[in-house]
Amino acid sequence: MKKTKMFLTVAAFLLAAFSSLQLLAAAADKEVTLTGLAVCGKCVLHQSDTCQNVLLVVKDDKTNEYWLAQNDVSKDFHQQICTTDGEKVTVTGTLSKDNGKRILTASKIEPVK
């Protein structure tokens, strides 16, 4: 009887853990749209050794940084913001985290008019 209870407890724990992982994976694949100021992480923020787009989003009087992954969409847009004070944009893409940084893999970047 003890073995059966132990087996059922372990099985329930594994099922709950697996379900949580599926929910996290589904959330990571969901596209979000954020609006903020796009700046260069090297030239403006001085937080990177190489040029990289960063989206600064102000929410509740706090500025959140979203580092754009180096894909074709991000690279094609970079020349518009490098060595400038930035540009207000709307970015659509998927979110992830890497070493505590929010990473936004952009599928679309549009200037705000």
PDB file of N, CA and C in Angstrom:
ATOM      1  N   MET A   1       0.807  -1.189   0.000  1.00  0.00           N
ATOM      2  CA  MET A   1       0.000   0.000   0.000  1.00  0.00           C
ATOM      3  C   MET A   1       0.860   1.267   0.000  1.00  0.00           C
ATOM      4  N   LYS A   2       1.964   1.241   0.775  1.00  0.00           N
ATOM      5  CA  LYS A   2       2.848   2.391   0.824  1.00  0.00           C
ATOM      6  C   LYS A   2       3.486   2.638  -0.546  1.00  0.00           C
ATOM      7  N   LYS A   3       3.840   1.556  -1.239  1.00  0.00           N
ATOM      8  CA  LYS A   3       4.462   1.706  -2.558  1.00  0.00           C
ATOM      9  C   LYS A   3       3.477   2.318  -3.551  1.00  0.00           C
ATOM     10  N   THR A   4       2.220   1.940  -3.459  1.00  0.00           N
ATOM     11  CA  THR A   4       1.204   2.477  -4.363  1.00  0.00           C
ATOM     12  C   THR A   4       1.006   3.975  -4.111  1.00  0.00           C
ATOM     13  N   LYS A   5       0.924   4.364  -2.846  1.00  0.00           N
ATOM     14  CA  LYS A   5       0.779   5.780  -2.518  1.00  0.00           C
ATOM     15  C   LYS A   5       1.995   6.576  -2.994  1.00  0.00           C
ATOM     16  N   MET A   6       3.175   6.000  -2.792  1.00  0.00           N
ATOM     17  CA  MET A   6       4.410   6.668  -3.212  1.00  0.00           C
ATOM     18  C   MET A   6       4.420   6.808  -4.733  1.00  0.00           C
ATOM     19  N   PHE A   7       4.041   5.761  -5.442  1.00  0.00           N
ATOM     20  CA  PHE A   7       4.005   5.805  -6.902  1.00  0.00           C
ATOM     21  C   PHE A   7       3.018   6.853  -7.395  1.00  0.00           C
ATOM     22  N   LEU A   8       1.823   6.890  -6.797  1.00  0.00           N
ATOM     23  CA  LEU A   8       0.818   7.873  -7.205  1.00  0.00           C
ATOM     24  C   LEU A   8       1.278   9.299  -6.903  1.00  0.00           C
ATOM     25  N   THR A   9       1.951   9.504  -5.786  1.00  0.00           N
ATOM     26  CA  THR A   9       2.460  10.833  -5.437  1.00  0.00           C
ATOM     27  C   THR A   9       3.503  11.288  -6.450  1.00  0.00           C
ATOM     28  N   VAL A  10       4.443  10.414  -6.781  1.00  0.00           N
ATOM     29  CA  VAL A  10       5.487  10.743  -7.762  1.00  0.00           C
ATOM     30  C   VAL A  10       4.866  10.988  -9.130  1.00  0.00           C
ATOM     31  N   ALA A  11       3.911  10.159  -9.527  1.00  0.00           N
ATOM     32  CA  ALA A  11       3.253  10.330 -10.828  1.00  0.00           C
ATOM     33  C   ALA A  11       2.515  11.664 -10.894  1.00  0.00           C
ATOM     34  N   ALA A  12       1.830  12.035  -9.811  1.00  0.00           N
ATOM     35  CA  ALA A  12       1.110  13.311  -9.784  1.00  0.00           C
ATOM     36  C   ALA A  12       2.087  14.485  -9.867  1.00  0.00           C
ATOM     37  N   PHE A  13       3.212  14.380  -9.172  1.00  0.00           N
ATOM     38  CA  PHE A  13       4.221  15.436  -9.221  1.00  0.00           C
ATOM     39  C   PHE A  13       4.786  15.582 -10.637  1.00  0.00           C
ATOM     40  N   LEU A  14       5.122  14.472 -11.273  1.00  0.00           N
ATOM     41  CA  LEU A  14       5.663  14.521 -12.634  1.00  0.00           C
ATOM     42  C   LEU A  14       4.651  15.085 -13.621  1.00  0.00           C
ATOM     43  N   LEU A  15       3.392  14.722 -13.466  1.00  0.00           N
ATOM     44  CA  LEU A  15       2.349  15.245 -14.343  1.00  0.00           C
ATOM     45  C   LEU A  15       2.207  16.758 -14.177  1.00  0.00           C
ATOM     46  N   ALA A  16       2.235  17.226 -12.932  1.00  0.00           N
ATOM     47  CA  ALA A  16       2.132  18.671 -12.673  1.00  0.00           C
ATOM     48  C   ALA A  16       3.340  19.408 -13.248  1.00  0.00           C
ATOM     49  N   ALA A  17       4.533  18.849 -13.090  1.00  0.00           N
ATOM     50  CA  ALA A  17       5.746  19.477 -13.625  1.00  0.00           C
ATOM     51  C   ALA A  17       5.694  19.534 -15.143  1.00  0.00           C
ATOM     52  N   PHE A  18       5.266  18.466 -15.783  1.00  0.00           N
ATOM     53  CA  PHE A  18       5.165  18.418 -17.244  1.00  0.00           C
ATOM     54  C   PHE A  18       4.151  19.435 -17.754  1.00  0.00           C
ATOM     55  N   SER A  19       3.023  19.554 -17.074  1.00  0.00           N
ATOM     56  CA  SER A  19       1.998  20.525 -17.468  1.00  0.00           C
ATOM     57  C   SER A  19       2.527  21.946 -17.368  1.00  0.00           C
ATOM     58  N   SER A  20       3.284  22.240 -16.310  1.00  0.00           N
ATOM     59  CA  SER A  20       3.868  23.574 -16.148  1.00  0.00           C
ATOM     60  C   SER A  20       4.841  23.884 -17.271  1.00  0.00           C
ATOM     61  N   LEU A  21       5.648  22.916 -17.654  1.00  0.00           N
ATOM     62  CA  LEU A  21       6.604  23.122 -18.749  1.00  0.00           C
ATOM     63  C   LEU A  21       5.881  23.376 -20.067  1.00  0.00           C
ATOM     64  N   GLN A  22       4.781  22.685 -20.311  1.00  0.00           N
ATOM     65  CA  GLN A  22       4.012  22.913 -21.536  1.00  0.00           C
ATOM     66  C   GLN A  22       3.437  24.318 -21.554  1.00  0.00           C
ATOM     67  N   LEU A  23       2.933  24.794 -20.409  1.00  0.00           N
ATOM     68  CA  LEU A  23       2.387  26.152 -20.340  1.00  0.00           C
ATOM     69  C   LEU A  23       3.464  27.189 -20.591  1.00  0.00           C
ATOM     70  N   LEU A  24       4.665  26.987 -20.026  1.00  0.00           N
ATOM     71  CA  LEU A  24       5.762  27.921 -20.261  1.00  0.00           C
ATOM     72  C   LEU A  24       6.170  27.936 -21.725  1.00  0.00           C
ATOM     73  N   ALA A  25       6.233  26.783 -22.347  1.00  0.00           N
ATOM     74  CA  ALA A  25       6.600  26.710 -23.761  1.00  0.00           C
ATOM     75  C   ALA A  25       5.559  27.398 -24.630  1.00  0.00           C
ATOM     76  N   ALA A  26       4.297  27.211 -24.308  1.00  0.00           N
ATOM     77  CA  ALA A  26       3.230  27.860 -25.077  1.00  0.00           C
ATOM     78  C   ALA A  26       3.293  29.372 -24.909  1.00  0.00           C
ATOM     79  N   ALA A  27       3.584  29.851 -23.697  1.00  0.00           N
ATOM     80  CA  ALA A  27       3.681  31.289 -23.460  1.00  0.00           C
ATOM     81  C   ALA A  27       4.863  31.891 -24.206  1.00  0.00           C
ATOM     82  N   ALA A  28       5.965  31.150 -24.321  1.00  0.00           N
ATOM     83  CA  ALA A  28       7.147  31.652 -25.009  1.00  0.00           C
ATOM     84  C   ALA A  28       6.895  31.800 -26.504  1.00  0.00           C
ATOM     85  N   ASP A  29       6.012  30.998 -27.071  1.00  0.00           N
ATOM     86  CA  ASP A  29       5.729  31.057 -28.498  1.00  0.00           C
ATOM     87  C   ASP A  29       4.690  32.110 -28.854  1.00  0.00           C
ATOM     88  N   LYS A  30       4.016  32.681 -27.876  1.00  0.00           N
ATOM     89  CA  LYS A  30       2.962  33.654 -28.130  1.00  0.00           C
ATOM     90  C   LYS A  30       3.585  35.004 -28.465  1.00  0.00           C
ATOM     91  N   GLU A  31       3.121  35.612 -29.552  1.00  0.00           N
ATOM     92  CA  GLU A  31       3.641  36.912 -29.948  1.00  0.00           C
ATOM     93  C   GLU A  31       3.040  38.018 -29.099  1.00  0.00           C
ATOM     94  N   VAL A  32       3.874  38.999 -28.775  1.00  0.00           N
ATOM     95  CA  VAL A  32       3.456  40.180 -28.039  1.00  0.00           C
ATOM     96  C   VAL A  32       3.772  41.402 -28.888  1.00  0.00           C
ATOM     97  N   THR A  33       3.106  42.510 -28.605  1.00  0.00           N
ATOM     98  CA  THR A  33       3.387  43.770 -29.278  1.00  0.00           C
ATOM     99  C   THR A  33       3.680  44.811 -28.214  1.00  0.00           C
ATOM    100  N   LEU A  34       4.870  45.423 -28.301  1.00  0.00           N
ATOM    101  CA  LEU A  34       5.307  46.417 -27.325  1.00  0.00           C
ATOM    102  C   LEU A  34       5.670  47.711 -28.050  1.00  0.00           C
ATOM    103  N   THR A  35       5.373  48.835 -27.408  1.00  0.00           N
ATOM    104  CA  THR A  35       5.723  50.138 -27.966  1.00  0.00           C
ATOM    105  C   THR A  35       6.660  50.851 -26.999  1.00  0.00           C
ATOM    106  N   GLY A  36       7.720  51.420 -27.554  1.00  0.00           N
ATOM    107  CA  GLY A  36       8.682  52.127 -26.725  1.00  0.00           C
ATOM    108  C   GLY A  36       9.725  52.806 -27.584  1.00  0.00           C
ATOM    109  N   LEU A  37      10.834  53.158 -26.967  1.00  0.00           N
ATOM    110  CA  LEU A  37      11.925  53.836 -27.638  1.00  0.00           C
ATOM    111  C   LEU A  37      12.999  52.826 -27.991  1.00  0.00           C
ATOM    112  N   ALA A  38      13.309  52.692 -29.280  1.00  0.00           N
ATOM    113  CA  ALA A  38      14.370  51.792 -29.732  1.00  0.00           C
ATOM    114  C   ALA A  38      15.688  52.554 -29.731  1.00  0.00           C
ATOM    115  N   VAL A  39      16.685  52.009 -29.050  1.00  0.00           N
ATOM    116  CA  VAL A  39      18.004  52.626 -28.967  1.00  0.00           C
ATOM    117  C   VAL A  39      19.068  51.554 -29.178  1.00  0.00           C
ATOM    118  N   CYS A  40      20.298  51.995 -29.362  1.00  0.00           N
ATOM    119  CA  CYS A  40      21.422  51.069 -29.510  1.00  0.00           C
ATOM    120  C   CYS A  40      21.992  50.760 -28.124  1.00  0.00           C
ATOM    121  N   GLY A  41      22.149  49.481 -27.830  1.00  0.00           N
ATOM    122  CA  GLY A  41      22.672  49.061 -26.539  1.00  0.00           C
ATOM    123  C   GLY A  41      24.121  49.454 -26.322  1.00  0.00           C
ATOM    124  N   LYS A  42      24.870  49.647 -27.408  1.00  0.00           N
ATOM    125  CA  LYS A  42      26.266  50.059 -27.299  1.00  0.00           C
ATOM    126  C   LYS A  42      26.403  51.577 -27.310  1.00  0.00           C
ATOM    127  N   CYS A  43      25.842  52.214 -28.327  1.00  0.00           N
ATOM    128  CA  CYS A  43      26.069  53.645 -28.541  1.00  0.00           C
ATOM    129  C   CYS A  43      25.297  54.548 -27.580  1.00  0.00           C
ATOM    130  N   VAL A  44      24.095  54.135 -27.170  1.00  0.00           N
ATOM    131  CA  VAL A  44      23.269  54.976 -26.298  1.00  0.00           C
ATOM    132  C   VAL A  44      23.323  54.497 -24.844  1.00  0.00           C
ATOM    133  N   LEU A  45      23.115  53.202 -24.634  1.00  0.00           N
ATOM    134  CA  LEU A  45      23.069  52.684 -23.261  1.00  0.00           C
ATOM    135  C   LEU A  45      24.441  52.359 -22.681  1.00  0.00           C
ATOM    136  N   HIS A  46      25.426  52.144 -23.541  1.00  0.00           N
ATOM    137  CA  HIS A  46      26.790  51.768 -23.118  1.00  0.00           C
ATOM    138  C   HIS A  46      26.789  50.510 -22.253  1.00  0.00           C
ATOM    139  N   GLN A  47      25.927  49.529 -22.637  1.00  0.00           N
ATOM    140  CA  GLN A  47      25.822  48.285 -21.882  1.00  0.00           C
ATOM    141  C   GLN A  47      26.253  47.072 -22.703  1.00  0.00           C
ATOM    142  N   SER A  48      26.778  47.296 -23.889  1.00  0.00           N
ATOM    143  CA  SER A  48      27.148  46.192 -24.764  1.00  0.00           C
ATOM    144  C   SER A  48      28.432  46.545 -25.501  1.00  0.00           C
ATOM    145  N   ASP A  49      29.206  45.528 -25.830  1.00  0.00           N
ATOM    146  CA  ASP A  49      30.434  45.749 -26.593  1.00  0.00           C
ATOM    147  C   ASP A  49      30.166  45.859 -28.091  1.00  0.00           C
ATOM    148  N   THR A  50      28.999  45.395 -28.512  1.00  0.00           N
ATOM    149  CA  THR A  50      28.620  45.461 -29.924  1.00  0.00           C
ATOM    150  C   THR A  50      27.256  46.134 -30.044  1.00  0.00           C
ATOM    151  N   CYS A  51      26.993  46.677 -31.227  1.00  0.00           N
ATOM    152  CA  CYS A  51      25.706  47.311 -31.460  1.00  0.00           C
ATOM    153  C   CYS A  51      24.588  46.273 -31.406  1.00  0.00           C
ATOM    154  N   GLN A  52      23.521  46.629 -30.714  1.00  0.00           N
ATOM    155  CA  GLN A  52      22.347  45.758 -30.615  1.00  0.00           C
ATOM    156  C   GLN A  52      21.146  46.616 -30.253  1.00  0.00           C
ATOM    157  N   ASN A  53      20.022  46.346 -30.891  1.00  0.00           N
ATOM    158  CA  ASN A  53      18.796  47.095 -30.615  1.00  0.00           C
ATOM    159  C   ASN A  53      18.262  46.749 -29.228  1.00  0.00           C
ATOM    160  N   VAL A  54      17.792  47.781 -28.540  1.00  0.00           N
ATOM    161  CA  VAL A  54      17.147  47.619 -27.236  1.00  0.00           C
ATOM    162  C   VAL A  54      15.875  48.454 -27.267  1.00  0.00           C
ATOM    163  N   LEU A  55      14.773  47.855 -26.847  1.00  0.00           N
ATOM    164  CA  LEU A  55      13.504  48.564 -26.758  1.00  0.00           C
ATOM    165  C   LEU A  55      13.284  48.962 -25.306  1.00  0.00           C
ATOM    166  N   LEU A  56      13.139  50.266 -25.061  1.00  0.00           N
ATOM    167  CA  LEU A  56      12.888  50.779 -23.718  1.00  0.00           C
ATOM    168  C   LEU A  56      11.399  51.057 -23.586  1.00  0.00           C
ATOM    169  N   VAL A  57      10.740  50.327 -22.695  1.00  0.00           N
ATOM    170  CA  VAL A  57       9.295  50.452 -22.498  1.00  0.00           C
ATOM    171  C   VAL A  57       9.050  50.960 -21.083  1.00  0.00           C
ATOM    172  N   VAL A  58       8.376  52.101 -20.974  1.00  0.00           N
ATOM    173  CA  VAL A  58       8.067  52.679 -19.669  1.00  0.00           C
ATOM    174  C   VAL A  58       6.687  52.191 -19.237  1.00  0.00           C
ATOM    175  N   LYS A  59       6.654  51.576 -18.053  1.00  0.00           N
ATOM    176  CA  LYS A  59       5.399  51.088 -17.488  1.00  0.00           C
ATOM    177  C   LYS A  59       5.450  51.312 -15.983  1.00  0.00           C
ATOM    178  N   ASP A  60       4.420  51.962 -15.460  1.00  0.00           N
ATOM    179  CA  ASP A  60       4.339  52.254 -14.023  1.00  0.00           C
ATOM    180  C   ASP A  60       5.583  53.006 -13.541  1.00  0.00           C
ATOM    181  N   ASP A  61       6.013  54.006 -14.297  1.00  0.00           N
ATOM    182  CA  ASP A  61       7.179  54.839 -13.970  1.00  0.00           C
ATOM    183  C   ASP A  61       8.482  54.044 -13.886  1.00  0.00           C
ATOM    184  N   LYS A  62       8.523  52.873 -14.497  1.00  0.00           N
ATOM    185  CA  LYS A  62       9.737  52.059 -14.521  1.00  0.00           C
ATOM    186  C   LYS A  62      10.075  51.761 -15.970  1.00  0.00           C
ATOM    187  N   THR A  63      11.348  51.894 -16.332  1.00  0.00           N
ATOM    188  CA  THR A  63      11.786  51.606 -17.691  1.00  0.00           C
ATOM    189  C   THR A  63      12.259  50.159 -17.768  1.00  0.00           C
ATOM    190  N   ASN A  64      11.619  49.382 -18.639  1.00  0.00           N
ATOM    191  CA  ASN A  64      11.990  47.985 -18.856  1.00  0.00           C
ATOM    192  C   ASN A  64      12.764  47.876 -20.154  1.00  0.00           C
ATOM    193  N   GLU A  65      13.865  47.132 -20.134  1.00  0.00           N
ATOM    194  CA  GLU A  65      14.690  46.931 -21.312  1.00  0.00           C
ATOM    195  C   GLU A  65      14.362  45.592 -21.950  1.00  0.00           C
ATOM    196  N   TYR A  66      14.144  45.609 -23.254  1.00  0.00           N
ATOM    197  CA  TYR A  66      13.939  44.396 -24.039  1.00  0.00           C
ATOM    198  C   TYR A  66      15.021  44.381 -25.114  1.00  0.00           C
ATOM    199  N   TRP A  67      15.992  43.491 -24.983  1.00  0.00           N
ATOM    200  CA  TRP A  67      17.081  43.381 -25.938  1.00  0.00           C
ATOM    201  C   TRP A  67      16.583  42.591 -27.138  1.00  0.00           C
ATOM    202  N   LEU A  68      16.696  43.178 -28.313  1.00  0.00           N
ATOM    203  CA  LEU A  68      16.210  42.504 -29.518  1.00  0.00           C
ATOM    204  C   LEU A  68      17.243  41.487 -29.997  1.00  0.00           C
ATOM    205  N   ALA A  69      16.757  40.278 -30.254  1.00  0.00           N
ATOM    206  CA  ALA A  69      17.632  39.226 -30.768  1.00  0.00           C
ATOM    207  C   ALA A  69      18.187  39.663 -32.120  1.00  0.00           C
ATOM    208  N   GLN A  70      19.388  39.228 -32.419  1.00  0.00           N
ATOM    209  CA  GLN A  70      20.054  39.615 -33.662  1.00  0.00           C
ATOM    210  C   GLN A  70      19.526  38.776 -34.828  1.00  0.00           C
ATOM    211  N   ASN A  71      18.342  39.099 -35.301  1.00  0.00           N
ATOM    212  CA  ASN A  71      17.813  38.430 -36.490  1.00  0.00           C
ATOM    213  C   ASN A  71      17.757  39.442 -37.631  1.00  0.00           C
ATOM    214  N   ASP A  72      17.277  39.036 -38.806  1.00  0.00           N
ATOM    215  CA  ASP A  72      17.246  39.924 -39.972  1.00  0.00           C
ATOM    216  C   ASP A  72      16.388  41.163 -39.727  1.00  0.00           C
ATOM    217  N   VAL A  73      15.252  41.003 -39.052  1.00  0.00           N
ATOM    218  CA  VAL A  73      14.358  42.131 -38.796  1.00  0.00           C
ATOM    219  C   VAL A  73      15.079  43.184 -37.947  1.00  0.00           C
ATOM    220  N   SER A  74      15.721  42.737 -36.894  1.00  0.00           N
ATOM    221  CA  SER A  74      16.420  43.652 -36.000  1.00  0.00           C
ATOM    222  C   SER A  74      17.616  44.301 -36.689  1.00  0.00           C
ATOM    223  N   LYS A  75      18.406  43.523 -37.389  1.00  0.00           N
ATOM    224  CA  LYS A  75      19.592  44.049 -38.075  1.00  0.00           C
ATOM    225  C   LYS A  75      19.213  45.069 -39.140  1.00  0.00           C
ATOM    226  N   ASP A  76      18.151  44.805 -39.902  1.00  0.00           N
ATOM    227  CA  ASP A  76      17.726  45.738 -40.953  1.00  0.00           C
ATOM    228  C   ASP A  76      17.276  47.078 -40.381  1.00  0.00           C
ATOM    229  N   PHE A  77      16.752  47.082 -39.169  1.00  0.00           N
ATOM    230  CA  PHE A  77      16.253  48.312 -38.562  1.00  0.00           C
ATOM    231  C   PHE A  77      17.356  49.094 -37.844  1.00  0.00           C
ATOM    232  N   HIS A  78      18.432  48.451 -37.490  1.00  0.00           N
ATOM    233  CA  HIS A  78      19.439  49.060 -36.614  1.00  0.00           C
ATOM    234  C   HIS A  78      20.024  50.363 -37.157  1.00  0.00           C
ATOM    235  N   GLN A  79      20.223  50.457 -38.451  1.00  0.00           N
ATOM    236  CA  GLN A  79      20.844  51.669 -39.005  1.00  0.00           C
ATOM    237  C   GLN A  79      20.013  52.925 -38.730  1.00  0.00           C
ATOM    238  N   GLN A  80      18.719  52.764 -38.483  1.00  0.00           N
ATOM    239  CA  GLN A  80      17.859  53.917 -38.207  1.00  0.00           C
ATOM    240  C   GLN A  80      18.044  54.480 -36.798  1.00  0.00           C
ATOM    241  N   ILE A  81      18.611  53.680 -35.885  1.00  0.00           N
ATOM    242  CA  ILE A  81      18.726  54.154 -34.500  1.00  0.00           C
ATOM    243  C   ILE A  81      20.152  54.276 -34.007  1.00  0.00           C
ATOM    244  N   CYS A  82      21.108  53.632 -34.663  1.00  0.00           N
ATOM    245  CA  CYS A  82      22.485  53.652 -34.184  1.00  0.00           C
ATOM    246  C   CYS A  82      23.024  55.079 -34.248  1.00  0.00           C
ATOM    247  N   THR A  83      23.674  55.495 -33.207  1.00  0.00           N
ATOM    248  CA  THR A  83      24.265  56.829 -33.027  1.00  0.00           C
ATOM    249  C   THR A  83      23.231  57.951 -33.005  1.00  0.00           C
ATOM    250  N   THR A  84      21.959  57.642 -32.790  1.00  0.00           N
ATOM    251  CA  THR A  84      20.925  58.663 -32.614  1.00  0.00           C
ATOM    252  C   THR A  84      20.381  58.541 -31.196  1.00  0.00           C
ATOM    253  N   ASP A  85      19.455  59.405 -30.859  1.00  0.00           N
ATOM    254  CA  ASP A  85      18.813  59.326 -29.539  1.00  0.00           C
ATOM    255  C   ASP A  85      17.716  58.277 -29.503  1.00  0.00           C
ATOM    256  N   GLY A  86      17.514  57.561 -30.626  1.00  0.00           N
ATOM    257  CA  GLY A  86      16.512  56.511 -30.695  1.00  0.00           C
ATOM    258  C   GLY A  86      15.289  56.934 -31.476  1.00  0.00           C
ATOM    259  N   GLU A  87      14.372  55.996 -31.606  1.00  0.00           N
ATOM    260  CA  GLU A  87      13.140  56.239 -32.355  1.00  0.00           C
ATOM    261  C   GLU A  87      12.008  55.480 -31.683  1.00  0.00           C
ATOM    262  N   LYS A  88      10.855  56.129 -31.598  1.00  0.00           N
ATOM    263  CA  LYS A  88       9.683  55.474 -31.001  1.00  0.00           C
ATOM    264  C   LYS A  88       9.140  54.455 -32.003  1.00  0.00           C
ATOM    265  N   VAL A  89       9.000  53.206 -31.554  1.00  0.00           N
ATOM    266  CA  VAL A  89       8.585  52.117 -32.438  1.00  0.00           C
ATOM    267  C   VAL A  89       7.615  51.178 -31.732  1.00  0.00           C
ATOM    268  N   THR A  90       6.962  50.361 -32.537  1.00  0.00           N
ATOM    269  CA  THR A  90       6.158  49.243 -32.054  1.00  0.00           C
ATOM    270  C   THR A  90       6.816  47.977 -32.579  1.00  0.00           C
ATOM    271  N   VAL A  91       7.112  47.049 -31.669  1.00  0.00           N
ATOM    272  CA  VAL A  91       7.780  45.807 -32.031  1.00  0.00           C
ATOM    273  C   VAL A  91       6.859  44.635 -31.711  1.00  0.00           C
ATOM    274  N   THR A  92       6.706  43.742 -32.672  1.00  0.00           N
ATOM    275  CA  THR A  92       5.956  42.508 -32.476  1.00  0.00           C
ATOM    276  C   THR A  92       6.955  41.363 -32.510  1.00  0.00           C
ATOM    277  N   GLY A  93       6.828  40.434 -31.554  1.00  0.00           N
ATOM    278  CA  GLY A  93       7.742  39.303 -31.508  1.00  0.00           C
ATOM    279  C   GLY A  93       7.474  38.419 -30.313  1.00  0.00           C
ATOM    280  N   THR A  94       8.384  37.492 -30.071  1.00  0.00           N
ATOM    281  CA  THR A  94       8.250  36.560 -28.956  1.00  0.00           C
ATOM    282  C   THR A  94       9.278  36.893 -27.880  1.00  0.00           C
ATOM    283  N   LEU A  95       8.889  36.676 -26.627  1.00  0.00           N
ATOM    284  CA  LEU A  95       9.738  36.992 -25.483  1.00  0.00           C
ATOM    285  C   LEU A  95      10.413  35.758 -24.913  1.00  0.00           C
ATOM    286  N   SER A  96      11.619  35.962 -24.405  1.00  0.00           N
ATOM    287  CA  SER A  96      12.338  34.935 -23.664  1.00  0.00           C
ATOM    288  C   SER A  96      13.274  35.647 -22.695  1.00  0.00           C
ATOM    289  N   LYS A  97      13.993  34.894 -21.902  1.00  0.00           N
ATOM    290  CA  LYS A  97      14.976  35.472 -20.983  1.00  0.00           C
ATOM    291  C   LYS A  97      16.306  34.762 -21.180  1.00  0.00           C
ATOM    292  N   ASP A  98      17.385  35.524 -21.015  1.00  0.00           N
ATOM    293  CA  ASP A  98      18.730  34.965 -21.117  1.00  0.00           C
ATOM    294  C   ASP A  98      19.607  35.705 -20.112  1.00  0.00           C
ATOM    295  N   ASN A  99      20.099  35.003 -19.128  1.00  0.00           N
ATOM    296  CA  ASN A  99      20.935  35.597 -18.082  1.00  0.00           C
ATOM    297  C   ASN A  99      20.291  36.827 -17.453  1.00  0.00           C
ATOM    298  N   GLY A 100      18.995  36.761 -17.204  1.00  0.00           N
ATOM    299  CA  GLY A 100      18.283  37.846 -16.555  1.00  0.00           C
ATOM    300  C   GLY A 100      17.838  38.963 -17.487  1.00  0.00           C
ATOM    301  N   LYS A 101      18.249  38.915 -18.748  1.00  0.00           N
ATOM    302  CA  LYS A 101      17.831  39.932 -19.723  1.00  0.00           C
ATOM    303  C   LYS A 101      16.580  39.462 -20.436  1.00  0.00           C
ATOM    304  N   ARG A 102      15.672  40.403 -20.691  1.00  0.00           N
ATOM    305  CA  ARG A 102      14.493  40.105 -21.505  1.00  0.00           C
ATOM    306  C   ARG A 102      14.921  40.168 -22.966  1.00  0.00           C
ATOM    307  N   ILE A 103      14.695  39.097 -23.693  1.00  0.00           N
ATOM    308  CA  ILE A 103      15.047  39.025 -25.107  1.00  0.00           C
ATOM    309  C   ILE A 103      13.759  39.035 -25.920  1.00  0.00           C
ATOM    310  N   LEU A 104      13.681  39.932 -26.875  1.00  0.00           N
ATOM    311  CA  LEU A 104      12.532  40.041 -27.759  1.00  0.00           C
ATOM    312  C   LEU A 104      12.997  39.690 -29.171  1.00  0.00           C
ATOM    313  N   THR A 105      12.482  38.584 -29.694  1.00  0.00           N
ATOM    314  CA  THR A 105      12.805  38.179 -31.060  1.00  0.00           C
ATOM    315  C   THR A 105      11.751  38.793 -31.967  1.00  0.00           C
ATOM    316  N   ALA A 106      12.152  39.846 -32.663  1.00  0.00           N
ATOM    317  CA  ALA A 106      11.215  40.649 -33.450  1.00  0.00           C
ATOM    318  C   ALA A 106      10.823  39.972 -34.754  1.00  0.00           C
ATOM    319  N   SER A 107       9.535  40.003 -35.033  1.00  0.00           N
ATOM    320  CA  SER A 107       9.050  39.581 -36.340  1.00  0.00           C
ATOM    321  C   SER A 107       8.639  40.796 -37.168  1.00  0.00           C
ATOM    322  N   LYS A 108       8.457  41.964 -36.466  1.00  0.00           N
ATOM    323  CA  LYS A 108       8.087  43.191 -37.154  1.00  0.00           C
ATOM    324  C   LYS A 108       8.467  44.387 -36.277  1.00  0.00           C
ATOM    325  N   ILE A 109       9.039  45.407 -36.901  1.00  0.00           N
ATOM    326  CA  ILE A 109       9.351  46.666 -36.224  1.00  0.00           C
ATOM    327  C   ILE A 109       8.766  47.788 -37.079  1.00  0.00           C
ATOM    328  N   GLU A 110       7.920  48.621 -36.454  1.00  0.00           N
ATOM    329  CA  GLU A 110       7.284  49.722 -37.186  1.00  0.00           C
ATOM    330  C   GLU A 110       7.459  51.021 -36.421  1.00  0.00           C
ATOM    331  N   PRO A 111       7.900  52.092 -37.100  1.00  0.00           N
ATOM    332  CA  PRO A 111       7.980  53.391 -36.446  1.00  0.00           C
ATOM    333  C   PRO A 111       6.583  53.878 -36.046  1.00  0.00           C
ATOM    334  N   VAL A 112       6.498  54.567 -34.905  1.00  0.00           N
ATOM    335  CA  VAL A 112       5.245  55.144 -34.449  1.00  0.00           C
ATOM    336  C   VAL A 112       5.146  56.539 -35.037  1.00  0.00           C
ATOM    337  N   LYS A 113       3.997  56.838 -35.613  1.00  0.00           N
ATOM    338  CA  LYS A 113       3.813  58.153 -36.258  1.00  0.00           C
ATOM    339  C   LYS A 113       3.065  59.091 -35.367  1.00  0.00           C
TER     340      LYS A 113
END
